């Protein structure tokens, strides 16, 4: 029944109702990984940025891809100030060099001071050191 209510809320774009249902499932420990991903997608579609940030502060949606996806959505929407703040405030722990490279790209493209952001960033994957050097040289020279 919950699934039917969720699908109906999503179809009707009743984002607050969908958020409430997902949150109830989380509190009851019945939220699947697929439902968690769908919840994140619903919050993104509804542009409920404060809700996403609140849940991230509670340890939800803190996987590397969620950080990248949210930051990319902010860039796509042109939310420059919010994106710059998000990039400064968050330091995700990546599981792949590709994830980290995506984050580095966002830093190099959207930070208030890209050279400083990259210079202050501690690279997790050796393969990305060259990217940081190249992007820093490109930005400054």
N, C-alpha and C. Protein backbone atom coordinates (compact mmCIF):
# COMPACT_ATOMS: atom_id res chain seq x y z
N UNK A 1 0.82 -1.19 0.00
CA UNK A 1 0.00 0.00 0.00
C UNK A 1 0.87 1.27 0.00
N UNK A 2 1.96 1.24 0.80
CA UNK A 2 2.84 2.39 0.82
C UNK A 2 3.41 2.67 -0.56
N UNK A 3 3.77 1.61 -1.27
CA UNK A 3 4.32 1.77 -2.61
C UNK A 3 3.32 2.45 -3.53
N UNK A 4 2.06 2.03 -3.44
CA UNK A 4 1.02 2.65 -4.27
C UNK A 4 0.86 4.13 -3.94
N UNK A 5 0.86 4.45 -2.65
CA UNK A 5 0.74 5.85 -2.24
C UNK A 5 1.93 6.67 -2.73
N UNK A 6 3.11 6.08 -2.64
CA UNK A 6 4.31 6.76 -3.10
C UNK A 6 4.25 7.04 -4.60
N UNK A 7 3.91 6.01 -5.35
CA UNK A 7 3.86 6.17 -6.80
C UNK A 7 2.81 7.21 -7.20
N UNK A 8 1.70 7.21 -6.50
CA UNK A 8 0.66 8.20 -6.78
C UNK A 8 1.16 9.61 -6.45
N UNK A 9 1.81 9.76 -5.31
CA UNK A 9 2.34 11.07 -4.91
C UNK A 9 3.37 11.57 -5.93
N UNK A 10 4.22 10.67 -6.39
CA UNK A 10 5.23 11.04 -7.38
C UNK A 10 4.56 11.42 -8.70
N UNK A 11 3.62 10.61 -9.14
CA UNK A 11 2.92 10.89 -10.40
C UNK A 11 2.23 12.25 -10.35
N UNK A 12 1.64 12.57 -9.21
CA UNK A 12 0.93 13.85 -9.05
C UNK A 12 1.86 14.99 -8.63
N UNK A 13 3.14 14.69 -8.52
CA UNK A 13 4.15 15.66 -8.10
C UNK A 13 3.82 16.29 -6.75
N UNK A 14 3.32 15.45 -5.87
CA UNK A 14 3.06 15.86 -4.49
C UNK A 14 4.31 15.52 -3.68
N UNK A 15 5.32 16.35 -3.88
CA UNK A 15 6.65 16.06 -3.36
C UNK A 15 6.69 15.96 -1.84
N UNK A 16 5.97 16.82 -1.14
CA UNK A 16 5.98 16.78 0.33
C UNK A 16 5.40 15.47 0.85
N UNK A 17 4.34 15.01 0.21
CA UNK A 17 3.74 13.74 0.63
C UNK A 17 4.71 12.58 0.37
N UNK A 18 5.35 12.60 -0.79
CA UNK A 18 6.32 11.55 -1.09
C UNK A 18 7.47 11.57 -0.08
N UNK A 19 7.96 12.76 0.24
CA UNK A 19 9.03 12.90 1.22
C UNK A 19 8.61 12.32 2.57
N UNK A 20 7.40 12.63 2.98
CA UNK A 20 6.89 12.13 4.26
C UNK A 20 6.83 10.61 4.26
N UNK A 21 6.35 10.02 3.18
CA UNK A 21 6.24 8.56 3.09
C UNK A 21 7.62 7.90 3.11
N UNK A 22 8.56 8.47 2.37
CA UNK A 22 9.92 7.92 2.38
C UNK A 22 10.53 8.03 3.77
N UNK A 23 10.34 9.16 4.41
CA UNK A 23 10.90 9.37 5.74
C UNK A 23 10.31 8.38 6.74
N UNK A 24 9.01 8.13 6.65
CA UNK A 24 8.38 7.14 7.54
C UNK A 24 8.98 5.76 7.32
N UNK A 25 9.20 5.40 6.06
CA UNK A 25 9.80 4.10 5.76
C UNK A 25 11.22 4.02 6.32
N UNK A 26 11.96 5.11 6.23
CA UNK A 26 13.31 5.14 6.79
C UNK A 26 13.27 4.94 8.29
N UNK A 27 12.36 5.63 8.96
CA UNK A 27 12.26 5.52 10.42
C UNK A 27 11.84 4.12 10.86
N UNK A 28 11.09 3.42 10.00
CA UNK A 28 10.66 2.06 10.30
C UNK A 28 11.66 1.02 9.80
N UNK A 29 12.79 1.49 9.26
CA UNK A 29 13.82 0.61 8.70
C UNK A 29 13.30 -0.30 7.61
N UNK A 30 12.39 0.20 6.79
CA UNK A 30 11.85 -0.60 5.69
C UNK A 30 12.16 0.03 4.33
N UNK A 31 13.05 0.99 4.30
CA UNK A 31 13.40 1.69 3.07
C UNK A 31 14.49 0.92 2.34
N UNK A 32 14.21 0.48 1.13
CA UNK A 32 15.20 -0.26 0.34
C UNK A 32 16.20 0.72 -0.28
N UNK A 33 17.29 0.17 -0.79
CA UNK A 33 18.30 1.01 -1.45
C UNK A 33 17.70 1.70 -2.67
N UNK A 34 16.86 0.99 -3.42
CA UNK A 34 16.22 1.59 -4.60
C UNK A 34 15.27 2.72 -4.19
N UNK A 35 14.55 2.51 -3.10
CA UNK A 35 13.64 3.56 -2.62
C UNK A 35 14.43 4.77 -2.10
N UNK A 36 15.55 4.52 -1.49
CA UNK A 36 16.40 5.62 -1.01
C UNK A 36 16.87 6.48 -2.20
N UNK A 37 17.27 5.81 -3.28
CA UNK A 37 17.72 6.52 -4.48
C UNK A 37 16.54 7.30 -5.08
N UNK A 38 15.38 6.68 -5.11
CA UNK A 38 14.19 7.34 -5.65
C UNK A 38 13.81 8.55 -4.79
N UNK A 39 13.95 8.42 -3.49
CA UNK A 39 13.67 9.53 -2.57
C UNK A 39 14.57 10.72 -2.91
N UNK A 40 15.85 10.43 -3.09
CA UNK A 40 16.80 11.49 -3.45
C UNK A 40 16.40 12.14 -4.77
N UNK A 41 16.02 11.32 -5.74
CA UNK A 41 15.59 11.85 -7.04
C UNK A 41 14.35 12.73 -6.92
N UNK A 42 13.43 12.34 -6.06
CA UNK A 42 12.21 13.13 -5.82
C UNK A 42 12.59 14.49 -5.23
N UNK A 43 13.46 14.48 -4.24
CA UNK A 43 13.88 15.73 -3.62
C UNK A 43 14.61 16.63 -4.62
N UNK A 44 15.41 16.04 -5.49
CA UNK A 44 16.07 16.81 -6.54
C UNK A 44 15.06 17.41 -7.51
N UNK A 45 14.11 16.59 -7.95
CA UNK A 45 13.10 17.06 -8.90
C UNK A 45 12.28 18.20 -8.32
N UNK A 46 12.02 18.12 -7.03
CA UNK A 46 11.23 19.15 -6.36
C UNK A 46 12.08 20.36 -5.95
N UNK A 47 13.39 20.25 -6.16
CA UNK A 47 14.34 21.29 -5.77
C UNK A 47 14.22 21.62 -4.28
N UNK A 48 14.06 20.58 -3.48
CA UNK A 48 13.97 20.73 -2.03
C UNK A 48 15.38 20.69 -1.43
N UNK A 49 16.15 21.70 -1.77
CA UNK A 49 17.56 21.76 -1.39
C UNK A 49 17.78 21.72 0.12
N UNK A 50 16.99 22.48 0.85
CA UNK A 50 17.17 22.49 2.30
C UNK A 50 16.89 21.13 2.91
N UNK A 51 15.96 20.41 2.34
CA UNK A 51 15.64 19.06 2.83
C UNK A 51 16.80 18.11 2.53
N UNK A 52 17.36 18.20 1.34
CA UNK A 52 18.51 17.36 0.99
C UNK A 52 19.66 17.64 1.97
N UNK A 53 19.94 18.90 2.20
CA UNK A 53 21.03 19.26 3.12
C UNK A 53 20.76 18.78 4.54
N UNK A 54 19.52 18.90 4.97
CA UNK A 54 19.16 18.43 6.32
C UNK A 54 19.36 16.93 6.43
N UNK A 55 18.96 16.19 5.42
CA UNK A 55 19.13 14.73 5.45
C UNK A 55 20.60 14.36 5.36
N UNK A 56 21.37 15.08 4.56
CA UNK A 56 22.80 14.81 4.50
C UNK A 56 23.45 15.05 5.86
N UNK A 57 23.00 16.06 6.58
CA UNK A 57 23.57 16.32 7.91
C UNK A 57 23.21 15.22 8.90
N UNK A 58 22.17 14.43 8.57
CA UNK A 58 21.77 13.29 9.41
C UNK A 58 22.41 11.98 8.94
N UNK A 59 23.29 12.07 7.93
CA UNK A 59 23.97 10.88 7.44
C UNK A 59 23.24 10.16 6.32
N UNK A 60 22.23 10.79 5.76
CA UNK A 60 21.47 10.20 4.65
C UNK A 60 21.90 10.91 3.37
N UNK A 61 21.99 10.17 2.30
CA UNK A 61 22.44 10.69 1.00
C UNK A 61 23.88 11.20 1.10
N UNK A 62 24.70 10.48 1.82
CA UNK A 62 26.10 10.88 1.97
C UNK A 62 27.05 10.00 1.17
N UNK A 63 26.50 9.21 0.26
CA UNK A 63 27.36 8.45 -0.63
C UNK A 63 27.97 9.43 -1.64
N UNK A 64 29.14 9.12 -2.17
CA UNK A 64 29.81 10.05 -3.08
C UNK A 64 28.95 10.49 -4.26
N UNK A 65 28.21 9.57 -4.84
CA UNK A 65 27.42 9.93 -6.02
C UNK A 65 26.32 10.93 -5.69
N UNK A 66 25.76 10.86 -4.50
CA UNK A 66 24.74 11.83 -4.11
C UNK A 66 25.32 13.23 -4.03
N UNK A 67 26.52 13.35 -3.49
CA UNK A 67 27.17 14.67 -3.45
C UNK A 67 27.38 15.21 -4.87
N UNK A 68 27.89 14.36 -5.74
CA UNK A 68 28.16 14.78 -7.12
C UNK A 68 26.86 15.14 -7.83
N UNK A 69 25.86 14.30 -7.69
CA UNK A 69 24.58 14.53 -8.36
C UNK A 69 23.94 15.83 -7.89
N UNK A 70 23.95 16.07 -6.59
CA UNK A 70 23.35 17.29 -6.07
C UNK A 70 24.11 18.52 -6.55
N UNK A 71 25.44 18.48 -6.48
CA UNK A 71 26.24 19.62 -6.94
C UNK A 71 26.03 19.87 -8.43
N UNK A 72 25.94 18.80 -9.21
CA UNK A 72 25.70 18.94 -10.64
C UNK A 72 24.33 19.55 -10.91
N UNK A 73 23.34 19.16 -10.12
CA UNK A 73 22.00 19.73 -10.27
C UNK A 73 22.02 21.23 -9.97
N UNK A 74 22.74 21.62 -8.94
CA UNK A 74 22.86 23.05 -8.63
C UNK A 74 23.52 23.80 -9.79
N UNK A 75 24.55 23.21 -10.37
CA UNK A 75 25.22 23.84 -11.51
C UNK A 75 24.26 23.98 -12.69
N UNK A 76 23.54 22.92 -12.96
CA UNK A 76 22.58 22.92 -14.07
C UNK A 76 21.51 23.99 -13.88
N UNK A 77 21.07 24.17 -12.65
CA UNK A 77 20.03 25.16 -12.35
C UNK A 77 20.58 26.58 -12.24
N UNK A 78 21.89 26.73 -12.31
CA UNK A 78 22.49 28.05 -12.22
C UNK A 78 22.52 28.63 -10.81
N UNK A 79 22.46 27.76 -9.81
CA UNK A 79 22.47 28.18 -8.40
C UNK A 79 23.93 28.36 -7.95
N UNK A 80 24.58 29.36 -8.52
CA UNK A 80 26.02 29.53 -8.33
C UNK A 80 26.43 29.72 -6.87
N UNK A 81 25.77 30.63 -6.16
CA UNK A 81 26.15 30.90 -4.76
C UNK A 81 25.94 29.67 -3.89
N UNK A 82 24.82 28.99 -4.08
CA UNK A 82 24.53 27.78 -3.28
C UNK A 82 25.54 26.69 -3.61
N UNK A 83 25.87 26.56 -4.89
CA UNK A 83 26.84 25.55 -5.31
C UNK A 83 28.22 25.85 -4.73
N UNK A 84 28.65 27.09 -4.79
CA UNK A 84 29.96 27.44 -4.24
C UNK A 84 30.03 27.13 -2.75
N UNK A 85 28.98 27.45 -2.03
CA UNK A 85 28.93 27.14 -0.60
C UNK A 85 28.97 25.63 -0.37
N UNK A 86 28.23 24.88 -1.18
CA UNK A 86 28.18 23.43 -1.05
C UNK A 86 29.56 22.82 -1.30
N UNK A 87 30.26 23.32 -2.31
CA UNK A 87 31.58 22.79 -2.63
C UNK A 87 32.58 23.08 -1.51
N UNK A 88 32.45 24.23 -0.87
CA UNK A 88 33.34 24.58 0.24
C UNK A 88 33.05 23.72 1.47
N UNK A 89 31.78 23.51 1.75
CA UNK A 89 31.35 22.85 2.99
C UNK A 89 31.48 21.33 2.98
N UNK A 90 31.56 20.73 1.82
CA UNK A 90 31.53 19.26 1.74
C UNK A 90 32.82 18.71 1.18
N UNK A 91 33.29 17.67 1.82
CA UNK A 91 34.50 16.96 1.40
C UNK A 91 34.18 15.46 1.35
N UNK A 92 33.51 15.02 0.29
CA UNK A 92 33.13 13.60 0.21
C UNK A 92 34.34 12.67 0.17
N UNK A 93 34.15 11.47 0.66
CA UNK A 93 35.15 10.41 0.54
C UNK A 93 34.73 9.54 -0.63
N UNK A 94 35.51 9.58 -1.68
CA UNK A 94 35.15 8.89 -2.92
C UNK A 94 35.63 7.45 -2.91
N UNK A 95 34.92 6.62 -3.66
CA UNK A 95 35.30 5.21 -3.76
C UNK A 95 35.99 4.90 -5.09
N UNK A 96 35.90 5.82 -6.04
CA UNK A 96 36.59 5.62 -7.32
C UNK A 96 37.26 6.92 -7.75
N UNK A 97 38.27 6.78 -8.58
CA UNK A 97 38.95 7.97 -9.09
C UNK A 97 38.03 8.78 -10.01
N UNK A 98 37.11 8.11 -10.69
CA UNK A 98 36.17 8.82 -11.57
C UNK A 98 35.24 9.73 -10.77
N UNK A 99 34.78 9.24 -9.62
CA UNK A 99 33.94 10.08 -8.77
C UNK A 99 34.71 11.32 -8.32
N UNK A 100 35.93 11.09 -7.87
CA UNK A 100 36.73 12.22 -7.41
C UNK A 100 36.99 13.19 -8.55
N UNK A 101 37.25 12.68 -9.74
CA UNK A 101 37.50 13.56 -10.88
C UNK A 101 36.26 14.40 -11.19
N UNK A 102 35.09 13.85 -11.04
CA UNK A 102 33.86 14.63 -11.24
C UNK A 102 33.79 15.77 -10.24
N UNK A 103 34.13 15.49 -8.99
CA UNK A 103 34.12 16.53 -7.95
C UNK A 103 35.18 17.59 -8.25
N UNK A 104 36.35 17.15 -8.68
CA UNK A 104 37.42 18.09 -9.03
C UNK A 104 37.00 18.99 -10.18
N UNK A 105 36.29 18.42 -11.14
CA UNK A 105 35.78 19.23 -12.25
C UNK A 105 34.84 20.31 -11.72
N UNK A 106 33.93 19.93 -10.83
CA UNK A 106 33.01 20.90 -10.25
C UNK A 106 33.77 21.99 -9.49
N UNK A 107 34.78 21.60 -8.74
CA UNK A 107 35.61 22.58 -8.03
C UNK A 107 36.29 23.54 -9.00
N UNK A 108 36.84 22.98 -10.08
CA UNK A 108 37.58 23.81 -11.03
C UNK A 108 36.67 24.72 -11.85
N UNK A 109 35.45 24.34 -12.01
CA UNK A 109 34.52 25.09 -12.85
C UNK A 109 33.67 26.08 -12.06
N UNK A 110 33.30 25.74 -10.84
CA UNK A 110 32.28 26.52 -10.13
C UNK A 110 32.71 27.13 -8.80
N UNK A 111 33.90 26.83 -8.32
CA UNK A 111 34.35 27.43 -7.06
C UNK A 111 34.54 28.94 -7.25
N UNK A 112 34.38 29.68 -6.17
CA UNK A 112 34.61 31.13 -6.24
C UNK A 112 36.05 31.42 -6.63
N UNK A 113 36.97 30.61 -6.14
CA UNK A 113 38.38 30.73 -6.48
C UNK A 113 38.89 29.33 -6.84
N UNK A 114 38.75 28.93 -8.11
CA UNK A 114 39.09 27.55 -8.50
C UNK A 114 40.54 27.16 -8.21
N UNK A 115 41.48 28.07 -8.44
CA UNK A 115 42.89 27.73 -8.21
C UNK A 115 43.11 27.41 -6.74
N UNK A 116 42.58 28.24 -5.86
CA UNK A 116 42.74 28.01 -4.43
C UNK A 116 42.01 26.74 -4.00
N UNK A 117 40.81 26.53 -4.53
CA UNK A 117 40.04 25.33 -4.17
C UNK A 117 40.80 24.06 -4.54
N UNK A 118 41.39 24.05 -5.73
CA UNK A 118 42.15 22.88 -6.16
C UNK A 118 43.46 22.75 -5.39
N UNK A 119 44.12 23.87 -5.12
CA UNK A 119 45.38 23.84 -4.37
C UNK A 119 45.17 23.33 -2.95
N UNK A 120 44.02 23.63 -2.37
CA UNK A 120 43.73 23.21 -0.99
C UNK A 120 43.12 21.81 -0.91
N UNK A 121 42.80 21.24 -2.04
CA UNK A 121 42.15 19.93 -2.06
C UNK A 121 43.19 18.82 -1.89
N UNK A 122 42.94 17.89 -1.00
CA UNK A 122 43.81 16.73 -0.83
C UNK A 122 43.27 15.60 -1.70
N UNK A 123 44.03 15.26 -2.72
CA UNK A 123 43.62 14.24 -3.68
C UNK A 123 43.62 12.87 -3.01
N UNK A 124 42.55 12.11 -3.23
CA UNK A 124 42.43 10.77 -2.66
C UNK A 124 43.02 9.71 -3.59
N UNK A 125 42.98 9.96 -4.89
CA UNK A 125 43.45 8.99 -5.87
C UNK A 125 44.61 9.60 -6.66
N UNK A 126 45.72 8.89 -6.70
CA UNK A 126 46.93 9.38 -7.35
C UNK A 126 46.68 9.79 -8.80
N UNK A 127 45.83 9.06 -9.49
CA UNK A 127 45.56 9.37 -10.90
C UNK A 127 44.99 10.77 -11.09
N UNK A 128 44.42 11.33 -10.05
CA UNK A 128 43.80 12.66 -10.17
C UNK A 128 44.76 13.81 -9.86
N UNK A 129 45.96 13.50 -9.40
CA UNK A 129 46.93 14.57 -9.13
C UNK A 129 47.25 15.34 -10.41
N UNK A 130 47.43 14.61 -11.49
CA UNK A 130 47.75 15.26 -12.77
C UNK A 130 46.59 16.16 -13.21
N UNK A 131 45.37 15.72 -12.98
CA UNK A 131 44.21 16.55 -13.33
C UNK A 131 44.25 17.86 -12.55
N UNK A 132 44.54 17.79 -11.26
CA UNK A 132 44.59 18.99 -10.42
C UNK A 132 45.68 19.94 -10.91
N UNK A 133 46.85 19.40 -11.21
CA UNK A 133 47.95 20.24 -11.71
C UNK A 133 47.55 20.90 -13.03
N UNK A 134 47.01 20.12 -13.94
CA UNK A 134 46.61 20.66 -15.24
C UNK A 134 45.52 21.71 -15.12
N UNK A 135 44.52 21.44 -14.31
CA UNK A 135 43.41 22.39 -14.15
C UNK A 135 43.89 23.66 -13.46
N UNK A 136 44.81 23.53 -12.51
CA UNK A 136 45.34 24.69 -11.81
C UNK A 136 46.15 25.56 -12.77
N UNK A 137 47.00 24.92 -13.57
CA UNK A 137 47.80 25.67 -14.54
C UNK A 137 46.90 26.36 -15.57
N UNK A 138 45.88 25.66 -16.01
CA UNK A 138 44.96 26.23 -17.00
C UNK A 138 44.24 27.45 -16.43
N UNK A 139 43.84 27.38 -15.17
CA UNK A 139 43.10 28.47 -14.54
C UNK A 139 43.99 29.69 -14.30
N UNK A 140 45.22 29.45 -13.89
CA UNK A 140 46.05 30.59 -13.47
C UNK A 140 46.85 31.21 -14.61
N UNK A 141 47.10 30.47 -15.67
CA UNK A 141 48.01 30.99 -16.70
C UNK A 141 47.36 31.21 -18.04
